[in-house]
Amino acid sequence: MSNDKGKKPAETKEPRRALGRGLDALLPVTQIAAAAAARAESPYQMVGIERIYPRRDQPRKRFDETALDELARSIEEQGLIQPLVVRRSDEEDGYEIIAGERRWRAAQKAGLREVPVVIKDVDPESAFELALVENVQRMDLDPVETATAYRRLMDEHGYTQDVLSRRIGKDRSTIANTLRLLQLPDEVQERVVARELSEGHARAILSLKDPGEITKLARVAAEKGWSVRQTEQFARRKLEGPKPPATPDPAKEPAPASSANVRDLEKKLESALGMPVAIRTDGAMNSGTVEIGFDNLDQLDRFLRRVLGE
């Protein structure tokens, strides 16, 4: 008869996780996917990758191919760790992506035939809102994509900026500033999308009202690599207009002969530069300033290229 007295009960070991926490950190879990997985009867199910497709109105329109290739190589080695969040399609026998289009694209590159998904029972409007929130939380959208998505939510759901602020967890002033980007001419929006100009540059440029002047300033700021502060200063000077000439001080007025010489020099410089020139000197002609005016940004740009030898 065996004596079990004093023996400790057998310990039940938890299944060993196949992947470490460090790898999970490489692919952040979104709040939407986590919440969906928690509510699902099972964490996920496997679906053929050919039955999954992106939303036509997905807020995110651009994907970095280099980053996709890197993610695809990781998936080839470790598999797809984070499930996609999808909904059943209303029109086709398949699933529409709510969150995870980047992972889906990378999985295709990696040659996966099936991917894990969490299925959400939501209507198209709610799916778009979830997709926007997911992208905003992950900072996957460029500023113009974000502004376009904000505008659509406001138009289709009747949201005010205050309501939208609460729905997506963004400050109302941030939403208002982002929406202003849609007022930019197309060429300037493209420069923001291409990261040639930041949102700060765009806000500074929008202080000008004329679309032509906005486009010209955006072009100069991008090509010259101006900081936001430089762009703001230029836009402010443009709005203020040329300063009125200072009231001359009779005590410092040059003698008539000297004035004639200065004016002759001004004419020569104006002829050479094609721009208005004003030379101001003290009475003794020992010191002074040379002011060169310009009528528009194109004229300034030509002058800078000439002076800088570009």
C-alpha atoms as a PDB file:
ATOM      1  CA  MET A   1       0.000   0.000   0.000  1.00  0.00           C
ATOM      2  CA  SER A   2       1.533   3.231  -1.083  1.00  0.00           C
ATOM      3  CA  ASN A   3       1.833   6.017   1.436  1.00  0.00           C
ATOM      4  CA  ASP A   4       0.838   9.393  -0.083  1.00  0.00           C
ATOM      5  CA  LYS A   5       0.926  11.134   3.263  1.00  0.00           C
ATOM      6  CA  GLY A   6       3.031  14.238   3.215  1.00  0.00           C
ATOM      7  CA  LYS A   7       3.267  14.402  -0.556  1.00  0.00           C
ATOM      8  CA  LYS A   8       2.561  17.737  -2.207  1.00  0.00           C
ATOM      9  CA  PRO A   9      -0.240  17.814  -4.781  1.00  0.00           C
ATOM     10  CA  ALA A  10       0.988  17.852  -8.380  1.00  0.00           C
ATOM     11  CA  GLU A  11       1.374  21.350  -9.741  1.00  0.00           C
ATOM     12  CA  THR A  12      -0.549  22.261 -12.885  1.00  0.00           C
ATOM     13  CA  LYS A  13       1.767  24.167 -15.156  1.00  0.00           C
ATOM     14  CA  GLU A  14       0.374  26.892 -17.340  1.00  0.00           C
ATOM     15  CA  PRO A  15       1.001  26.370 -21.057  1.00  0.00           C
ATOM     16  CA  ARG A  16       4.246  27.967 -22.047  1.00  0.00           C
ATOM     17  CA  ARG A  17       3.834  30.955 -24.285  1.00  0.00           C
ATOM     18  CA  ALA A  18       5.390  30.469 -27.670  1.00  0.00           C
ATOM     19  CA  LEU A  19       6.510  34.056 -27.955  1.00  0.00           C
ATOM     20  CA  GLY A  20       8.062  36.418 -25.465  1.00  0.00           C
ATOM     21  CA  ARG A  21       6.767  39.793 -24.394  1.00  0.00           C
ATOM     22  CA  GLY A  22       9.601  41.525 -26.190  1.00  0.00           C
ATOM     23  CA  LEU A  23       8.336  40.361 -29.573  1.00  0.00           C
ATOM     24  CA  ASP A  24       4.757  41.350 -28.757  1.00  0.00           C
ATOM     25  CA  ALA A  25       6.001  44.855 -28.111  1.00  0.00           C
ATOM     26  CA  LEU A  26       7.169  45.109 -31.716  1.00  0.00           C
ATOM     27  CA  LEU A  27       3.533  44.909 -32.895  1.00  0.00           C
ATOM     28  CA  PRO A  28       1.462  47.130 -30.574  1.00  0.00           C
ATOM     29  CA  VAL A  29      -1.977  45.852 -29.547  1.00  0.00           C
ATOM     30  CA  THR A  30      -4.630  48.472 -30.287  1.00  0.00           C
ATOM     31  CA  GLN A  31      -7.388  49.185 -27.838  1.00  0.00           C
ATOM     32  CA  ILE A  32      -9.973  48.192 -30.426  1.00  0.00           C
ATOM     33  CA  ALA A  33      -8.437  44.812 -31.194  1.00  0.00           C
ATOM     34  CA  ALA A  34      -7.903  44.072 -27.506  1.00  0.00           C
ATOM     35  CA  ALA A  35     -11.484  44.948 -26.612  1.00  0.00           C
ATOM     36  CA  ALA A  36     -12.873  42.929 -29.508  1.00  0.00           C
ATOM     37  CA  ALA A  37     -10.789  39.894 -28.569  1.00  0.00           C
ATOM     38  CA  ALA A  38     -11.900  40.114 -24.959  1.00  0.00           C
ATOM     39  CA  ARG A  39     -15.586  40.113 -25.920  1.00  0.00           C
ATOM     40  CA  ALA A  40     -15.332  37.324 -28.471  1.00  0.00           C
ATOM     41  CA  GLU A  41     -16.318  33.760 -27.488  1.00  0.00           C
ATOM     42  CA  SER A  42     -12.924  32.628 -28.723  1.00  0.00           C
ATOM     43  CA  PRO A  43      -9.890  34.867 -29.103  1.00  0.00           C
ATOM     44  CA  TYR A  44      -9.837  34.562 -32.872  1.00  0.00           C
ATOM     45  CA  GLN A  45     -10.418  32.280 -35.812  1.00  0.00           C
ATOM     46  CA  MET A  46      -8.373  31.553 -38.910  1.00  0.00           C
ATOM     47  CA  VAL A  47      -9.677  32.850 -42.244  1.00  0.00           C
ATOM     48  CA  GLY A  48      -8.278  32.455 -45.742  1.00  0.00           C
ATOM     49  CA  ILE A  49      -6.377  35.588 -46.667  1.00  0.00           C
ATOM     50  CA  GLU A  50      -8.098  35.741 -50.065  1.00  0.00           C
ATOM     51  CA  ARG A  51     -11.472  36.218 -48.305  1.00  0.00           C
ATOM     52  CA  ILE A  52     -10.285  39.389 -46.563  1.00  0.00           C
ATOM     53  CA  TYR A  53     -10.091  42.772 -48.213  1.00  0.00           C
ATOM     54  CA  PRO A  54      -9.612  46.408 -47.126  1.00  0.00           C
ATOM     55  CA  ARG A  55     -12.396  48.960 -46.836  1.00  0.00           C
ATOM     56  CA  ARG A  56     -12.818  51.182 -49.872  1.00  0.00           C
ATOM     57  CA  ASP A  57     -13.067  54.172 -47.533  1.00  0.00           C
ATOM     58  CA  GLN A  58     -10.231  53.146 -45.244  1.00  0.00           C
ATOM     59  CA  PRO A  59      -8.912  56.386 -43.664  1.00  0.00           C
ATOM     60  CA  ARG A  60      -5.313  55.390 -44.339  1.00  0.00           C
ATOM     61  CA  LYS A  61      -4.390  55.618 -48.023  1.00  0.00           C
ATOM     62  CA  ARG A  62      -0.579  55.382 -48.053  1.00  0.00           C
ATOM     63  CA  PHE A  63       1.735  52.650 -46.781  1.00  0.00           C
ATOM     64  CA  ASP A  64       5.536  52.703 -46.499  1.00  0.00           C
ATOM     65  CA  GLU A  65       6.760  49.832 -48.684  1.00  0.00           C
ATOM     66  CA  THR A  66      10.073  49.557 -46.821  1.00  0.00           C
ATOM     67  CA  ALA A  67       8.260  49.190 -43.491  1.00  0.00           C
ATOM     68  CA  LEU A  68       5.887  46.635 -45.053  1.00  0.00           C
ATOM     69  CA  ASP A  69       8.841  44.568 -46.264  1.00  0.00           C
ATOM     70  CA  GLU A  70      10.363  44.614 -42.773  1.00  0.00           C
ATOM     71  CA  LEU A  71       7.078  43.513 -41.205  1.00  0.00           C
ATOM     72  CA  ALA A  72       6.691  40.775 -43.845  1.00  0.00           C
ATOM     73  CA  ARG A  73      10.117  39.366 -42.943  1.00  0.00           C
ATOM     74  CA  SER A  74       9.145  39.368 -39.264  1.00  0.00           C
ATOM     75  CA  ILE A  75       5.904  37.524 -40.082  1.00  0.00           C
ATOM     76  CA  GLU A  76       7.829  34.943 -42.104  1.00  0.00           C
ATOM     77  CA  GLU A  77       9.964  34.229 -39.036  1.00  0.00           C
ATOM     78  CA  GLN A  78       7.447  34.527 -36.218  1.00  0.00           C
ATOM     79  CA  GLY A  79       3.994  34.393 -37.796  1.00  0.00           C
ATOM     80  CA  LEU A  80       1.251  37.001 -37.458  1.00  0.00           C
ATOM     81  CA  ILE A  81       0.977  37.644 -33.726  1.00  0.00           C
ATOM     82  CA  GLN A  82      -1.805  40.220 -33.577  1.00  0.00           C
ATOM     83  CA  PRO A  83      -5.161  39.258 -35.189  1.00  0.00           C
ATOM     84  CA  LEU A  84      -6.894  41.529 -37.674  1.00  0.00           C
ATOM     85  CA  VAL A  85     -10.223  43.063 -36.667  1.00  0.00           C
ATOM     86  CA  VAL A  86     -12.838  42.497 -39.383  1.00  0.00           C
ATOM     87  CA  ARG A  87     -16.564  42.577 -40.065  1.00  0.00           C
ATOM     88  CA  ARG A  88     -18.627  40.345 -42.342  1.00  0.00           C
ATOM     89  CA  SER A  89     -19.136  41.981 -45.699  1.00  0.00           C
ATOM     90  CA  ASP A  90     -22.614  43.175 -46.660  1.00  0.00           C
ATOM     91  CA  GLU A  91     -21.988  42.657 -50.369  1.00  0.00           C
ATOM     92  CA  GLU A  92     -19.416  39.891 -50.789  1.00  0.00           C
ATOM     93  CA  ASP A  93     -18.717  36.489 -49.263  1.00  0.00           C
ATOM     94  CA  GLY A  94     -15.807  37.642 -47.183  1.00  0.00           C
ATOM     95  CA  TYR A  95     -14.584  39.960 -44.492  1.00  0.00           C
ATOM     96  CA  GLU A  96     -13.854  43.672 -44.512  1.00  0.00           C
ATOM     97  CA  ILE A  97     -10.887  44.954 -42.502  1.00  0.00           C
ATOM     98  CA  ILE A  98     -11.618  47.357 -39.662  1.00  0.00           C
ATOM     99  CA  ALA A  99      -8.132  47.360 -38.135  1.00  0.00           C
ATOM    100  CA  GLY A 100      -4.950  45.758 -39.404  1.00  0.00           C
ATOM    101  CA  GLU A 101      -4.699  46.484 -43.128  1.00  0.00           C
ATOM    102  CA  ARG A 102      -0.935  46.989 -42.794  1.00  0.00           C
ATOM    103  CA  ARG A 103      -0.593  43.544 -41.182  1.00  0.00           C
ATOM    104  CA  TRP A 104      -2.810  42.038 -43.900  1.00  0.00           C
ATOM    105  CA  ARG A 105      -0.635  43.508 -46.643  1.00  0.00           C
ATOM    106  CA  ALA A 106       2.539  42.286 -44.959  1.00  0.00           C
ATOM    107  CA  ALA A 107       1.018  38.801 -44.471  1.00  0.00           C
ATOM    108  CA  GLN A 108       0.345  38.655 -48.214  1.00  0.00           C
ATOM    109  CA  LYS A 109       3.977  39.561 -48.888  1.00  0.00           C
ATOM    110  CA  ALA A 110       5.038  36.840 -46.456  1.00  0.00           C
ATOM    111  CA  GLY A 111       2.969  34.266 -48.356  1.00  0.00           C
ATOM    112  CA  LEU A 112       0.499  33.415 -45.567  1.00  0.00           C
ATOM    113  CA  ARG A 113      -2.640  31.587 -46.729  1.00  0.00           C
ATOM    114  CA  GLU A 114      -4.611  32.112 -43.522  1.00  0.00           C
ATOM    115  CA  VAL A 115      -4.521  34.836 -40.892  1.00  0.00           C
ATOM    116  CA  PRO A 116      -6.100  35.142 -37.416  1.00  0.00           C
ATOM    117  CA  VAL A 117      -9.078  37.493 -37.211  1.00  0.00           C
ATOM    118  CA  VAL A 118     -11.467  38.830 -34.600  1.00  0.00           C
ATOM    119  CA  ILE A 119     -14.929  39.312 -36.122  1.00  0.00           C
ATOM    120  CA  LYS A 120     -16.928  42.364 -35.040  1.00  0.00           C
ATOM    121  CA  ASP A 121     -20.681  42.659 -35.600  1.00  0.00           C
ATOM    122  CA  VAL A 122     -20.876  46.339 -36.560  1.00  0.00           C
ATOM    123  CA  ASP A 123     -22.456  48.378 -39.338  1.00  0.00           C
ATOM    124  CA  PRO A 124     -20.321  50.167 -41.996  1.00  0.00           C
ATOM    125  CA  GLU A 125     -20.591  53.568 -40.280  1.00  0.00           C
ATOM    126  CA  SER A 126     -19.419  52.227 -36.931  1.00  0.00           C
ATOM    127  CA  ALA A 127     -16.663  50.282 -38.683  1.00  0.00           C
ATOM    128  CA  PHE A 128     -15.328  53.477 -40.254  1.00  0.00           C
ATOM    129  CA  GLU A 129     -15.299  55.217 -36.881  1.00  0.00           C
ATOM    130  CA  LEU A 130     -13.460  52.287 -35.294  1.00  0.00           C
ATOM    131  CA  ALA A 131     -10.948  52.280 -38.152  1.00  0.00           C
ATOM    132  CA  LEU A 132     -10.320  55.987 -37.680  1.00  0.00           C
ATOM    133  CA  VAL A 133      -9.843  55.681 -33.927  1.00  0.00           C
ATOM    134  CA  GLU A 134      -7.461  52.751 -34.417  1.00  0.00           C
ATOM    135  CA  ASN A 135      -5.365  54.682 -36.915  1.00  0.00           C
ATOM    136  CA  VAL A 136      -5.348  57.866 -34.823  1.00  0.00           C
ATOM    137  CA  GLN A 137      -4.256  55.948 -31.717  1.00  0.00           C
ATOM    138  CA  ARG A 138      -1.438  54.308 -33.652  1.00  0.00           C
ATOM    139  CA  MET A 139      -0.581  57.606 -35.431  1.00  0.00           C
ATOM    140  CA  ASP A 140      -0.730  55.795 -38.785  1.00  0.00           C
ATOM    141  CA  LEU A 141      -2.439  58.587 -40.747  1.00  0.00           C
ATOM    142  CA  ASP A 142      -0.749  61.592 -42.310  1.00  0.00           C
ATOM    143  CA  PRO A 143      -2.256  64.993 -41.349  1.00  0.00           C
ATOM    144  CA  VAL A 144      -4.357  65.328 -44.521  1.00  0.00           C
ATOM    145  CA  GLU A 145      -5.767  61.794 -44.173  1.00  0.00           C
ATOM    146  CA  THR A 146      -6.664  62.608 -40.578  1.00  0.00           C
ATOM    147  CA  ALA A 147      -8.396  65.861 -41.556  1.00  0.00           C
ATOM    148  CA  THR A 148     -10.354  64.099 -44.317  1.00  0.00           C
ATOM    149  CA  ALA A 149     -11.500  61.385 -41.908  1.00  0.00           C
ATOM    150  CA  TYR A 150     -12.552  63.985 -39.302  1.00  0.00           C
ATOM    151  CA  ARG A 151     -14.575  65.837 -41.910  1.00  0.00           C
ATOM    152  CA  ARG A 152     -16.317  62.662 -43.063  1.00  0.00           C
ATOM    153  CA  LEU A 153     -17.286  61.676 -39.517  1.00  0.00           C
ATOM    154  CA  MET A 154     -18.695  65.147 -38.906  1.00  0.00           C
ATOM    155  CA  ASP A 155     -20.623  65.197 -42.176  1.00  0.00           C
ATOM    156  CA  GLU A 156     -22.032  61.663 -42.000  1.00  0.00           C
ATOM    157  CA  HIS A 157     -22.764  61.498 -38.264  1.00  0.00           C
ATOM    158  CA  GLY A 158     -23.602  65.138 -37.667  1.00  0.00           C
ATOM    159  CA  TYR A 159     -20.863  65.426 -35.066  1.00  0.00           C
ATOM    160  CA  THR A 160     -19.758  68.807 -33.819  1.00  0.00           C
ATOM    161  CA  GLN A 161     -16.089  69.295 -33.058  1.00  0.00           C
ATOM    162  CA  ASP A 162     -16.885  68.879 -29.346  1.00  0.00           C
ATOM    163  CA  VAL A 163     -18.656  65.561 -29.922  1.00  0.00           C
ATOM    164  CA  LEU A 164     -15.901  64.301 -32.209  1.00  0.00           C
ATOM    165  CA  SER A 165     -13.355  65.316 -29.592  1.00  0.00           C
ATOM    166  CA  ARG A 166     -15.029  63.055 -27.029  1.00  0.00           C
ATOM    167  CA  ARG A 167     -15.525  60.189 -29.492  1.00  0.00           C
ATOM    168  CA  ILE A 168     -11.880  59.905 -30.542  1.00  0.00           C
ATOM    169  CA  GLY A 169     -10.161  61.287 -27.460  1.00  0.00           C
ATOM    170  CA  LYS A 170      -8.555  64.319 -29.095  1.00  0.00           C
ATOM    171  CA  ASP A 171      -8.569  67.910 -27.862  1.00  0.00           C
ATOM    172  CA  ARG A 172     -11.117  70.072 -29.708  1.00  0.00           C
ATOM    173  CA  SER A 173      -8.518  72.682 -30.662  1.00  0.00           C
ATOM    174  CA  THR A 174      -6.370  69.926 -32.194  1.00  0.00           C
ATOM    175  CA  ILE A 175      -9.317  68.794 -34.298  1.00  0.00           C
ATOM    176  CA  ALA A 176     -10.061  72.383 -35.392  1.00  0.00           C
ATOM    177  CA  ASN A 177      -6.455  72.990 -36.455  1.00  0.00           C
ATOM    178  CA  THR A 178      -6.294  69.690 -38.334  1.00  0.00           C
ATOM    179  CA  LEU A 179      -9.530  70.428 -40.215  1.00  0.00           C
ATOM    180  CA  ARG A 180      -8.041  73.714 -41.452  1.00  0.00           C
ATOM    181  CA  LEU A 181      -5.592  71.711 -43.577  1.00  0.00           C
ATOM    182  CA  LEU A 182      -8.468  70.970 -45.953  1.00  0.00           C
ATOM    183  CA  GLN A 183      -8.499  74.680 -46.848  1.00  0.00           C
ATOM    184  CA  LEU A 184      -5.024  74.367 -48.401  1.00  0.00           C
ATOM    185  CA  PRO A 185      -4.678  74.218 -52.195  1.00  0.00           C
ATOM    186  CA  ASP A 186      -4.069  70.693 -53.528  1.00  0.00           C
ATOM    187  CA  GLU A 187      -0.388  71.348 -54.252  1.00  0.00           C
ATOM    188  CA  VAL A 188       0.222  72.409 -50.657  1.00  0.00           C
ATOM    189  CA  GLN A 189      -1.709  69.435 -49.260  1.00  0.00           C
ATOM    190  CA  GLU A 190       0.540  67.165 -51.322  1.00  0.00           C
ATOM    191  CA  ARG A 191       3.616  68.775 -49.751  1.00  0.00           C
ATOM    192  CA  VAL A 192       2.174  68.092 -46.281  1.00  0.00           C
ATOM    193  CA  VAL A 193       1.454  64.469 -47.228  1.00  0.00           C
ATOM    194  CA  ALA A 194       5.010  64.098 -48.547  1.00  0.00           C
ATOM    195  CA  ARG A 195       6.348  65.506 -45.228  1.00  0.00           C
ATOM    196  CA  GLU A 196       7.966  68.427 -47.044  1.00  0.00           C
ATOM    197  CA  LEU A 197       5.925  70.680 -44.760  1.00  0.00           C
ATOM    198  CA  SER A 198       4.633  70.014 -41.258  1.00  0.00           C
ATOM    199  CA  GLU A 199       1.249  70.890 -39.799  1.00  0.00           C
ATOM    200  CA  GLY A 200       2.948  73.877 -38.178  1.00  0.00           C
ATOM    201  CA  HIS A 201       4.135  75.129 -41.568  1.00  0.00           C
ATOM    202  CA  ALA A 202       0.636  74.639 -42.968  1.00  0.00           C
ATOM    203  CA  ARG A 203      -0.995  76.659 -40.181  1.00  0.00           C
ATOM    204  CA  ALA A 204       1.494  79.495 -40.692  1.00  0.00           C
ATOM    205  CA  ILE A 205       0.879  79.518 -44.438  1.00  0.00           C
ATOM    206  CA  LEU A 206      -2.906  79.539 -43.928  1.00  0.00           C
ATOM    207  CA  SER A 207      -2.637  82.959 -42.298  1.00  0.00           C
ATOM    208  CA  LEU A 208      -2.426  84.232 -45.882  1.00  0.00           C
ATOM    209  CA  LYS A 209      -5.798  84.310 -47.615  1.00  0.00           C
ATOM    210  CA  ASP A 210      -4.884  84.355 -51.299  1.00  0.00           C
ATOM    211  CA  PRO A 211      -4.501  80.790 -52.685  1.00  0.00           C
ATOM    212  CA  GLY A 212      -1.753  81.943 -55.058  1.00  0.00           C
ATOM    213  CA  GLU A 213       0.287  83.479 -52.251  1.00  0.00           C
ATOM    214  CA  ILE A 214      -0.305  80.385 -50.087  1.00  0.00           C
ATOM    215  CA  THR A 215       1.033  78.120 -52.844  1.00  0.00           C
ATOM    216  CA  LYS A 216       4.054  80.336 -53.488  1.00  0.00           C
ATOM    217  CA  LEU A 217       4.991  80.553 -49.808  1.00  0.00           C
ATOM    218  CA  ALA A 218       4.609  76.778 -49.418  1.00  0.00           C
ATOM    219  CA  ARG A 219       6.907  76.224 -52.399  1.00  0.00           C
ATOM    220  CA  VAL A 220       9.591  78.578 -51.084  1.00  0.00           C
ATOM    221  CA  ALA A 221       9.382  77.224 -47.506  1.00  0.00           C
ATOM    222  CA  ALA A 222       9.708  73.630 -48.715  1.00  0.00           C
ATOM    223  CA  GLU A 223      12.514  74.276 -51.190  1.00  0.00           C
ATOM    224  CA  LYS A 224      14.500  76.454 -48.768  1.00  0.00           C
ATOM    225  CA  GLY A 225      13.923  74.175 -45.809  1.00  0.00           C
ATOM    226  CA  TRP A 226      12.498  76.988 -43.704  1.00  0.00           C
ATOM    227  CA  SER A 227      11.567  76.283 -40.104  1.00  0.00           C
ATOM    228  CA  VAL A 228       8.016  76.886 -38.887  1.00  0.00           C
ATOM    229  CA  ARG A 229       9.203  80.091 -37.204  1.00  0.00           C
ATOM    230  CA  GLN A 230      10.785  81.412 -40.406  1.00  0.00           C
ATOM    231  CA  THR A 231       7.600  80.652 -42.291  1.00  0.00           C
ATOM    232  CA  GLU A 232       5.486  82.402 -39.647  1.00  0.00           C
ATOM    233  CA  GLN A 233       7.713  85.475 -39.750  1.00  0.00           C
ATOM    234  CA  PHE A 234       7.539  85.725 -43.517  1.00  0.00           C
ATOM    235  CA  ALA A 235       3.752  85.302 -43.537  1.00  0.00           C
ATOM    236  CA  ARG A 236       3.430  87.988 -40.838  1.00  0.00           C
ATOM    237  CA  ARG A 237       5.537  90.451 -42.817  1.00  0.00           C
ATOM    238  CA  LYS A 238       3.470  89.711 -45.894  1.00  0.00           C
ATOM    239  CA  LEU A 239       0.258  90.452 -44.013  1.00  0.00           C
ATOM    240  CA  GLU A 240       1.645  93.658 -42.510  1.00  0.00           C
ATOM    241  CA  GLY A 241       2.706  94.941 -45.914  1.00  0.00           C
ATOM    242  CA  PRO A 242       5.608  97.293 -46.627  1.00  0.00           C
ATOM    243  CA  LYS A 243       6.554  99.674 -43.858  1.00  0.00           C
ATOM    244  CA  PRO A 244       5.904 103.347 -44.578  1.00  0.00           C
ATOM    245  CA  PRO A 245       9.078 105.362 -45.208  1.00  0.00           C
ATOM    246  CA  ALA A 246      10.512 106.996 -42.123  1.00  0.00           C
ATOM    247  CA  THR A 247      10.114 110.758 -41.786  1.00  0.00           C
ATOM    248  CA  PRO A 248      13.416 112.225 -42.952  1.00  0.00           C
ATOM    249  CA  ASP A 249      15.549 114.045 -40.421  1.00  0.00           C
ATOM    250  CA  PRO A 250      16.689 117.370 -41.957  1.00  0.00           C
ATOM    251  CA  ALA A 251      19.843 117.226 -39.874  1.00  0.00           C
ATOM    252  CA  LYS A 252      20.798 113.992 -41.578  1.00  0.00           C
ATOM    253  CA  GLU A 253      19.729 114.877 -45.072  1.00  0.00           C
ATOM    254  CA  PRO A 254      22.625 114.540 -47.517  1.00  0.00           C
ATOM    255  CA  ALA A 255      23.733 117.469 -49.633  1.00  0.00           C
ATOM    256  CA  PRO A 256      21.975 117.764 -53.019  1.00  0.00           C
ATOM    257  CA  ALA A 257      25.028 116.574 -54.933  1.00  0.00           C
ATOM    258  CA  SER A 258      25.301 113.496 -52.733  1.00  0.00           C
ATOM    259  CA  SER A 259      21.559 112.777 -53.131  1.00  0.00           C
ATOM    260  CA  ALA A 260      21.982 112.804 -56.874  1.00  0.00           C
ATOM    261  CA  ASN A 261      24.851 110.344 -56.626  1.00  0.00           C
ATOM    262  CA  VAL A 262      22.859 108.039 -54.370  1.00  0.00           C
ATOM    263  CA  ARG A 263      19.873 108.126 -56.701  1.00  0.00           C
ATOM    264  CA  ASP A 264      22.090 107.296 -59.640  1.00  0.00           C
ATOM    265  CA  LEU A 265      23.472 104.299 -57.756  1.00  0.00           C
ATOM    266  CA  GLU A 266      19.932 103.193 -56.842  1.00  0.00           C
ATOM    267  CA  LYS A 267      18.923 103.256 -60.521  1.00  0.00           C
ATOM    268  CA  LYS A 268      21.933 101.143 -61.495  1.00  0.00           C
ATOM    269  CA  LEU A 269      21.130  98.543 -58.821  1.00  0.00           C
ATOM    270  CA  GLU A 270      17.456  98.490 -59.783  1.00  0.00           C
ATOM    271  CA  SER A 271      18.404  97.944 -63.416  1.00  0.00           C
ATOM    272  CA  ALA A 272      20.754  95.116 -62.504  1.00  0.00           C
ATOM    273  CA  LEU A 273      18.409  93.392 -60.054  1.00  0.00           C
ATOM    274  CA  GLY A 274      15.021  94.184 -61.540  1.00  0.00           C
ATOM    275  CA  MET A 275      13.822  95.132 -58.051  1.00  0.00           C
ATOM    276  CA  PRO A 276      13.242  98.436 -56.233  1.00  0.00           C
ATOM    277  CA  VAL A 277      16.292  99.641 -54.286  1.00  0.00           C
ATOM    278  CA  ALA A 278      16.571 102.356 -51.629  1.00  0.00           C
ATOM    279  CA  ILE A 279      19.906 103.548 -50.224  1.00  0.00           C
ATOM    280  CA  ARG A 280      19.795 105.465 -46.973  1.00  0.00           C
ATOM    281  CA  THR A 281      22.873 107.233 -45.624  1.00  0.00           C
ATOM    282  CA  ASP A 282      23.808 109.595 -42.866  1.00  0.00           C
ATOM    283  CA  GLY A 283      24.639 113.194 -43.693  1.00  0.00           C
ATOM    284  CA  ALA A 284      28.354 112.499 -44.002  1.00  0.00           C
ATOM    285  CA  MET A 285      27.834 109.507 -46.347  1.00  0.00           C
ATOM    286  CA  ASN A 286      29.923 107.386 -43.988  1.00  0.00           C
ATOM    287  CA  SER A 287      27.277 104.746 -43.236  1.00  0.00           C
ATOM    288  CA  GLY A 288      23.792 103.701 -44.195  1.00  0.00           C
ATOM    289  CA  THR A 289      21.588 100.844 -45.394  1.00  0.00           C
ATOM    290  CA  VAL A 290      20.569  99.323 -48.708  1.00  0.00           C
ATOM    291  CA  GLU A 291      16.935  98.173 -48.889  1.00  0.00           C
ATOM    292  CA  ILE A 292      15.796  95.836 -51.659  1.00  0.00           C
ATOM    293  CA  GLY A 293      12.059  95.453 -52.111  1.00  0.00           C
ATOM    294  CA  PHE A 294      10.066  92.696 -53.827  1.00  0.00           C
ATOM    295  CA  ASP A 295       6.504  92.552 -55.108  1.00  0.00           C
ATOM    296  CA  ASN A 296       5.876  88.812 -54.815  1.00  0.00           C
ATOM    297  CA  LEU A 297       7.456  85.549 -53.716  1.00  0.00           C
ATOM    298  CA  ASP A 298       8.614  84.630 -57.214  1.00  0.00           C
ATOM    299  CA  GLN A 299      10.668  87.819 -57.380  1.00  0.00           C
ATOM    300  CA  LEU A 300      12.187  87.108 -53.953  1.00  0.00           C
ATOM    301  CA  ASP A 301      12.981  83.531 -54.946  1.00  0.00           C
ATOM    302  CA  ARG A 302      14.797  84.665 -58.121  1.00  0.00           C
ATOM    303  CA  PHE A 303      16.795  87.190 -56.098  1.00  0.00           C
ATOM    304  CA  LEU A 304      17.818  84.602 -53.502  1.00  0.00           C
ATOM    305  CA  ARG A 305      18.884  82.118 -56.162  1.00  0.00           C
ATOM    306  CA  ARG A 306      20.994  84.811 -57.807  1.00  0.00           C
ATOM    307  CA  VAL A 307      22.643  85.956 -54.596  1.00  0.00           C
ATOM    308  CA  LEU A 308      23.269  82.431 -53.340  1.00  0.00           C
ATOM    309  CA  GLY A 309      24.504  81.228 -56.704  1.00  0.00           C
ATOM    310  CA  GLU A 310      21.938  78.452 -57.026  1.00  0.00           C
END
